[in-house]
């Protein structure tokens, strides 16, 4: 078994149709439960810390690359939730993503696995990368049919919402307090709106 397989098994669960799989795993991926964060820390804290130091080296093939991206982009947001360390892997994730995209590795993954490559783009405080995220999620959505369209529509809608925030502010205002960045009056007004934080 490859060293990244336990992480992918936990993250994606048992194989199923994309719509069914997304519905089953959505709470892990996008919800917040302290026990899930603790489980991530207990089982995958070691790989995450090695990834953050640039020492994991799983990106030798597409699925290892995907797992390392999850260790840099998704899991720090769980393991280090509410702290600056939650975003500590972002720059390394962006660079690693670009390397894999240049190799075409995303096209060797399932559509649902590709979501967690393109979320790296969606997390960037950079408008050109946000444009790429929206285009990537639009491509994934166009490939879906029937019950599988709903989660991919949601992924696309969230990508567009993230892009709008970056187009307006050039950064995600909801990160300001965590990262110790002063906010503008416009950002504070925005954060008072329902649904303004991701």
C-alpha atoms as a PDB file:
ATOM      1  CA  UNK A   1       0.000   0.000   0.000  1.00  0.00           C
ATOM      2  CA  UNK A   2       1.248   3.468  -0.827  1.00  0.00           C
ATOM      3  CA  UNK A   3       1.827   5.679   2.240  1.00  0.00           C
ATOM      4  CA  UNK A   4      -0.847   8.157   1.129  1.00  0.00           C
ATOM      5  CA  UNK A   5      -3.602   5.582   0.680  1.00  0.00           C
ATOM      6  CA  UNK A   6      -4.968   5.732   4.276  1.00  0.00           C
ATOM      7  CA  UNK A   7      -5.444   9.483   3.902  1.00  0.00           C
ATOM      8  CA  UNK A   8      -7.292   9.150   0.595  1.00  0.00           C
ATOM      9  CA  UNK A   9      -9.447   6.330   2.010  1.00  0.00           C
ATOM     10  CA  UNK A  10     -10.416   8.522   4.968  1.00  0.00           C
ATOM     11  CA  UNK A  11     -10.984  11.629   2.877  1.00  0.00           C
ATOM     12  CA  UNK A  12     -13.054  10.076   0.098  1.00  0.00           C
ATOM     13  CA  UNK A  13     -14.557   7.030   1.806  1.00  0.00           C
ATOM     14  CA  UNK A  14     -15.801   4.011  -0.088  1.00  0.00           C
ATOM     15  CA  UNK A  15     -16.155   4.390  -3.872  1.00  0.00           C
ATOM     16  CA  UNK A  16     -19.604   5.448  -5.057  1.00  0.00           C
ATOM     17  CA  UNK A  17     -21.269   7.594  -7.681  1.00  0.00           C
ATOM     18  CA  UNK A  18     -19.947  11.167  -7.342  1.00  0.00           C
ATOM     19  CA  UNK A  19     -23.235  12.614  -6.107  1.00  0.00           C
ATOM     20  CA  UNK A  20     -23.611   9.905  -3.465  1.00  0.00           C
ATOM     21  CA  UNK A  21     -19.976  10.108  -2.420  1.00  0.00           C
ATOM     22  CA  UNK A  22     -20.074  13.905  -2.111  1.00  0.00           C
ATOM     23  CA  UNK A  23     -23.265  13.788  -0.034  1.00  0.00           C
ATOM     24  CA  UNK A  24     -21.709  11.216   2.302  1.00  0.00           C
ATOM     25  CA  UNK A  25     -18.370  13.023   2.749  1.00  0.00           C
ATOM     26  CA  UNK A  26     -19.600  16.632   2.677  1.00  0.00           C
ATOM     27  CA  UNK A  27     -19.635  16.974   6.469  1.00  0.00           C
ATOM     28  CA  UNK A  28     -15.984  15.934   6.668  1.00  0.00           C
ATOM     29  CA  UNK A  29     -14.923  18.134   3.787  1.00  0.00           C
ATOM     30  CA  UNK A  30     -16.790  21.323   4.583  1.00  0.00           C
ATOM     31  CA  UNK A  31     -18.355  20.959   8.022  1.00  0.00           C
ATOM     32  CA  UNK A  32     -16.879  21.675  11.412  1.00  0.00           C
ATOM     33  CA  UNK A  33     -16.939  19.121  14.192  1.00  0.00           C
ATOM     34  CA  UNK A  34     -14.192  19.166  16.844  1.00  0.00           C
ATOM     35  CA  UNK A  35     -13.946  15.380  16.732  1.00  0.00           C
ATOM     36  CA  UNK A  36     -13.181  15.475  12.998  1.00  0.00           C
ATOM     37  CA  UNK A  37     -10.397  17.979  13.562  1.00  0.00           C
ATOM     38  CA  UNK A  38      -9.043  15.770  16.341  1.00  0.00           C
ATOM     39  CA  UNK A  39      -9.196  12.709  14.093  1.00  0.00           C
ATOM     40  CA  UNK A  40      -7.294  14.548  11.361  1.00  0.00           C
ATOM     41  CA  UNK A  41      -4.664  15.620  13.892  1.00  0.00           C
ATOM     42  CA  UNK A  42      -4.312  12.145  15.398  1.00  0.00           C
ATOM     43  CA  UNK A  43      -4.050  10.183  12.164  1.00  0.00           C
ATOM     44  CA  UNK A  44      -2.510  12.644   9.747  1.00  0.00           C
ATOM     45  CA  UNK A  45      -0.803  15.306  11.840  1.00  0.00           C
ATOM     46  CA  UNK A  46       2.607  13.804  11.089  1.00  0.00           C
ATOM     47  CA  UNK A  47       2.270  13.893   7.285  1.00  0.00           C
ATOM     48  CA  UNK A  48       0.794  17.397   7.466  1.00  0.00           C
ATOM     49  CA  UNK A  49       3.726  18.744   9.463  1.00  0.00           C
ATOM     50  CA  UNK A  50       6.205  17.072   7.092  1.00  0.00           C
ATOM     51  CA  UNK A  51       4.335  18.566   4.128  1.00  0.00           C
ATOM     52  CA  UNK A  52       4.457  22.023   5.702  1.00  0.00           C
ATOM     53  CA  UNK A  53       8.241  21.641   6.089  1.00  0.00           C
ATOM     54  CA  UNK A  54       8.579  20.466   2.481  1.00  0.00           C
ATOM     55  CA  UNK A  55       9.630  16.968   3.570  1.00  0.00           C
ATOM     56  CA  UNK A  56       6.668  14.773   2.585  1.00  0.00           C
ATOM     57  CA  UNK A  57       7.606  14.020  -1.033  1.00  0.00           C
ATOM     58  CA  UNK A  58       4.441  12.083  -1.914  1.00  0.00           C
ATOM     59  CA  UNK A  59       4.023  13.892  -5.253  1.00  0.00           C
ATOM     60  CA  UNK A  60       5.669  11.206  -7.341  1.00  0.00           C
ATOM     61  CA  UNK A  61       2.449  10.251  -9.163  1.00  0.00           C
ATOM     62  CA  UNK A  62      -1.081  11.698  -9.453  1.00  0.00           C
ATOM     63  CA  UNK A  63      -2.695  10.241  -6.356  1.00  0.00           C
ATOM     64  CA  UNK A  64       0.321  10.933  -4.179  1.00  0.00           C
ATOM     65  CA  UNK A  65       0.275  14.485  -5.514  1.00  0.00           C
ATOM     66  CA  UNK A  66      -3.417  14.772  -4.623  1.00  0.00           C
ATOM     67  CA  UNK A  67      -2.761  13.472  -1.100  1.00  0.00           C
ATOM     68  CA  UNK A  68       0.093  15.926  -0.580  1.00  0.00           C
ATOM     69  CA  UNK A  69      -2.137  18.773  -1.786  1.00  0.00           C
ATOM     70  CA  UNK A  70      -4.743  17.733   0.801  1.00  0.00           C
ATOM     71  CA  UNK A  71      -2.010  17.726   3.473  1.00  0.00           C
ATOM     72  CA  UNK A  72      -1.011  21.272   2.509  1.00  0.00           C
ATOM     73  CA  UNK A  73      -4.381  22.840   1.728  1.00  0.00           C
ATOM     74  CA  UNK A  74      -7.270  21.046   3.448  1.00  0.00           C
ATOM     75  CA  UNK A  75      -5.905  19.412   6.580  1.00  0.00           C
ATOM     76  CA  UNK A  76      -4.089  22.436   8.027  1.00  0.00           C
ATOM     77  CA  UNK A  77      -7.445  24.203   7.987  1.00  0.00           C
ATOM     78  CA  UNK A  78      -8.751  21.441  10.259  1.00  0.00           C
ATOM     79  CA  UNK A  79      -5.698  20.680  12.401  1.00  0.00           C
ATOM     80  CA  UNK A  80      -4.781  24.345  12.933  1.00  0.00           C
ATOM     81  CA  UNK A  81      -8.281  25.811  12.673  1.00  0.00           C
ATOM     82  CA  UNK A  82      -8.535  29.418  13.789  1.00  0.00           C
ATOM     83  CA  UNK A  83      -4.778  30.039  13.820  1.00  0.00           C
ATOM     84  CA  UNK A  84      -2.364  31.496  11.251  1.00  0.00           C
ATOM     85  CA  UNK A  85      -0.941  27.987  10.806  1.00  0.00           C
ATOM     86  CA  UNK A  86      -4.218  27.023   9.100  1.00  0.00           C
ATOM     87  CA  UNK A  87      -2.920  28.839   6.000  1.00  0.00           C
ATOM     88  CA  UNK A  88       0.753  27.917   6.390  1.00  0.00           C
ATOM     89  CA  UNK A  89       0.672  25.393   3.551  1.00  0.00           C
ATOM     90  CA  UNK A  90      -0.999  27.621   0.981  1.00  0.00           C
ATOM     91  CA  UNK A  91       2.080  28.908  -0.862  1.00  0.00           C
ATOM     92  CA  UNK A  92       3.623  25.439  -1.047  1.00  0.00           C
ATOM     93  CA  UNK A  93       0.261  24.008  -2.181  1.00  0.00           C
ATOM     94  CA  UNK A  94       0.044  26.561  -5.008  1.00  0.00           C
ATOM     95  CA  UNK A  95       3.528  25.652  -6.259  1.00  0.00           C
ATOM     96  CA  UNK A  96       2.871  21.911  -5.979  1.00  0.00           C
ATOM     97  CA  UNK A  97      -0.459  22.303  -7.766  1.00  0.00           C
ATOM     98  CA  UNK A  98       1.213  24.061 -10.684  1.00  0.00           C
ATOM     99  CA  UNK A  99       3.786  21.282 -11.014  1.00  0.00           C
ATOM    100  CA  UNK A 100       1.086  18.611 -11.203  1.00  0.00           C
ATOM    101  CA  UNK A 101      -1.115  20.591 -13.577  1.00  0.00           C
ATOM    102  CA  UNK A 102       1.827  20.996 -15.935  1.00  0.00           C
ATOM    103  CA  UNK A 103       2.151  17.204 -15.944  1.00  0.00           C
ATOM    104  CA  UNK A 104      -1.580  16.768 -16.578  1.00  0.00           C
ATOM    105  CA  UNK A 105      -1.956  14.804 -13.367  1.00  0.00           C
ATOM    106  CA  UNK A 106      -5.378  16.292 -12.588  1.00  0.00           C
ATOM    107  CA  UNK A 107      -6.769  14.568 -15.688  1.00  0.00           C
ATOM    108  CA  UNK A 108      -5.624  11.214 -14.333  1.00  0.00           C
ATOM    109  CA  UNK A 109      -7.882  11.598 -11.288  1.00  0.00           C
ATOM    110  CA  UNK A 110     -11.625  11.181 -10.866  1.00  0.00           C
ATOM    111  CA  UNK A 111     -13.786  14.284 -11.145  1.00  0.00           C
ATOM    112  CA  UNK A 112     -14.380  14.317  -7.385  1.00  0.00           C
ATOM    113  CA  UNK A 113     -10.660  13.963  -6.676  1.00  0.00           C
ATOM    114  CA  UNK A 114      -9.987  16.865  -9.044  1.00  0.00           C
ATOM    115  CA  UNK A 115     -12.167  19.093  -6.851  1.00  0.00           C
ATOM    116  CA  UNK A 116      -9.459  19.019  -4.185  1.00  0.00           C
ATOM    117  CA  UNK A 117      -6.821  20.100  -6.672  1.00  0.00           C
ATOM    118  CA  UNK A 118      -8.840  23.072  -7.885  1.00  0.00           C
ATOM    119  CA  UNK A 119      -9.803  24.146  -4.356  1.00  0.00           C
ATOM    120  CA  UNK A 120      -6.140  25.110  -4.000  1.00  0.00           C
ATOM    121  CA  UNK A 121      -6.761  27.730  -6.708  1.00  0.00           C
ATOM    122  CA  UNK A 122      -9.958  28.814  -4.972  1.00  0.00           C
ATOM    123  CA  UNK A 123      -8.050  29.456  -1.742  1.00  0.00           C
ATOM    124  CA  UNK A 124      -5.578  31.834  -3.423  1.00  0.00           C
ATOM    125  CA  UNK A 125      -5.764  35.556  -2.730  1.00  0.00           C
ATOM    126  CA  UNK A 126      -5.007  36.170  -6.399  1.00  0.00           C
ATOM    127  CA  UNK A 127      -7.584  37.030  -9.063  1.00  0.00           C
ATOM    128  CA  UNK A 128      -5.920  35.166 -11.928  1.00  0.00           C
ATOM    129  CA  UNK A 129      -5.933  31.968  -9.895  1.00  0.00           C
ATOM    130  CA  UNK A 130      -9.555  32.590  -8.958  1.00  0.00           C
ATOM    131  CA  UNK A 131     -10.351  32.868 -12.672  1.00  0.00           C
ATOM    132  CA  UNK A 132      -8.650  29.518 -13.222  1.00  0.00           C
ATOM    133  CA  UNK A 133     -10.644  27.985 -10.369  1.00  0.00           C
ATOM    134  CA  UNK A 134     -13.968  29.112 -11.826  1.00  0.00           C
ATOM    135  CA  UNK A 135     -12.997  27.769 -15.259  1.00  0.00           C
ATOM    136  CA  UNK A 136     -11.867  24.434 -13.796  1.00  0.00           C
ATOM    137  CA  UNK A 137     -15.080  23.965 -11.822  1.00  0.00           C
ATOM    138  CA  UNK A 138     -17.154  24.962 -14.864  1.00  0.00           C
ATOM    139  CA  UNK A 139     -15.384  22.238 -16.836  1.00  0.00           C
ATOM    140  CA  UNK A 140     -16.108  19.666 -14.119  1.00  0.00           C
ATOM    141  CA  UNK A 141     -19.759  20.717 -13.934  1.00  0.00           C
ATOM    142  CA  UNK A 142     -20.180  20.336 -17.687  1.00  0.00           C
ATOM    143  CA  UNK A 143     -19.092  16.706 -17.396  1.00  0.00           C
ATOM    144  CA  UNK A 144     -21.829  15.763 -14.917  1.00  0.00           C
ATOM    145  CA  UNK A 145     -25.334  14.431 -15.474  1.00  0.00           C
ATOM    146  CA  UNK A 146     -28.349  13.593 -13.333  1.00  0.00           C
ATOM    147  CA  UNK A 147     -27.873  13.379  -9.581  1.00  0.00           C
ATOM    148  CA  UNK A 148     -24.131  13.950  -9.939  1.00  0.00           C
ATOM    149  CA  UNK A 149     -24.655  17.550 -11.096  1.00  0.00           C
ATOM    150  CA  UNK A 150     -25.820  18.948  -7.747  1.00  0.00           C
ATOM    151  CA  UNK A 151     -22.523  18.831  -5.830  1.00  0.00           C
ATOM    152  CA  UNK A 152     -20.559  20.068  -8.826  1.00  0.00           C
ATOM    153  CA  UNK A 153     -23.013  22.953  -9.230  1.00  0.00           C
ATOM    154  CA  UNK A 154     -22.322  23.812  -5.605  1.00  0.00           C
ATOM    155  CA  UNK A 155     -18.556  23.604  -6.122  1.00  0.00           C
ATOM    156  CA  UNK A 156     -18.872  25.945  -9.101  1.00  0.00           C
ATOM    157  CA  UNK A 157     -21.116  28.380  -7.220  1.00  0.00           C
ATOM    158  CA  UNK A 158     -18.630  28.555  -4.343  1.00  0.00           C
ATOM    159  CA  UNK A 159     -15.777  29.146  -6.781  1.00  0.00           C
ATOM    160  CA  UNK A 160     -17.661  32.089  -8.250  1.00  0.00           C
ATOM    161  CA  UNK A 161     -18.386  33.426  -4.750  1.00  0.00           C
ATOM    162  CA  UNK A 162     -14.707  33.229  -3.810  1.00  0.00           C
ATOM    163  CA  UNK A 163     -13.752  34.994  -7.032  1.00  0.00           C
ATOM    164  CA  UNK A 164     -16.182  37.834  -6.329  1.00  0.00           C
ATOM    165  CA  UNK A 165     -14.578  38.441  -2.922  1.00  0.00           C
ATOM    166  CA  UNK A 166     -11.068  38.541  -4.371  1.00  0.00           C
ATOM    167  CA  UNK A 167     -12.208  40.781  -7.252  1.00  0.00           C
ATOM    168  CA  UNK A 168     -13.662  43.189  -4.708  1.00  0.00           C
ATOM    169  CA  UNK A 169     -11.039  43.160  -1.949  1.00  0.00           C
ATOM    170  CA  UNK A 170      -7.942  41.423  -3.322  1.00  0.00           C
ATOM    171  CA  UNK A 171      -7.975  39.134  -0.275  1.00  0.00           C
ATOM    172  CA  UNK A 172     -10.362  37.199   1.960  1.00  0.00           C
ATOM    173  CA  UNK A 173     -11.470  39.595   4.727  1.00  0.00           C
ATOM    174  CA  UNK A 174     -12.484  36.712   6.999  1.00  0.00           C
ATOM    175  CA  UNK A 175      -8.783  35.795   7.308  1.00  0.00           C
ATOM    176  CA  UNK A 176      -7.815  39.242   8.586  1.00  0.00           C
ATOM    177  CA  UNK A 177      -8.402  38.645  12.292  1.00  0.00           C
ATOM    178  CA  UNK A 178      -6.661  35.252  12.270  1.00  0.00           C
ATOM    179  CA  UNK A 179      -3.653  36.591  10.370  1.00  0.00           C
ATOM    180  CA  UNK A 180      -3.461  39.838  12.359  1.00  0.00           C
ATOM    181  CA  UNK A 181      -4.191  41.984   9.303  1.00  0.00           C
ATOM    182  CA  UNK A 182      -5.990  45.297   9.812  1.00  0.00           C
ATOM    183  CA  UNK A 183      -9.323  45.390   8.034  1.00  0.00           C
ATOM    184  CA  UNK A 184     -10.854  48.258   6.113  1.00  0.00           C
ATOM    185  CA  UNK A 185     -14.266  49.751   6.840  1.00  0.00           C
ATOM    186  CA  UNK A 186     -15.546  48.139   3.634  1.00  0.00           C
ATOM    187  CA  UNK A 187     -14.245  44.746   4.718  1.00  0.00           C
ATOM    188  CA  UNK A 188     -15.781  45.049   8.173  1.00  0.00           C
ATOM    189  CA  UNK A 189     -19.121  45.982   6.621  1.00  0.00           C
ATOM    190  CA  UNK A 190     -18.841  43.003   4.296  1.00  0.00           C
ATOM    191  CA  UNK A 191     -18.101  40.621   7.166  1.00  0.00           C
ATOM    192  CA  UNK A 192     -21.292  41.759   8.895  1.00  0.00           C
ATOM    193  CA  UNK A 193     -23.302  40.435   5.956  1.00  0.00           C
ATOM    194  CA  UNK A 194     -24.810  36.924   6.184  1.00  0.00           C
ATOM    195  CA  UNK A 195     -22.743  34.265   4.428  1.00  0.00           C
ATOM    196  CA  UNK A 196     -19.714  36.485   3.961  1.00  0.00           C
ATOM    197  CA  UNK A 197     -17.227  33.996   5.422  1.00  0.00           C
ATOM    198  CA  UNK A 198     -16.225  30.677   3.918  1.00  0.00           C
END
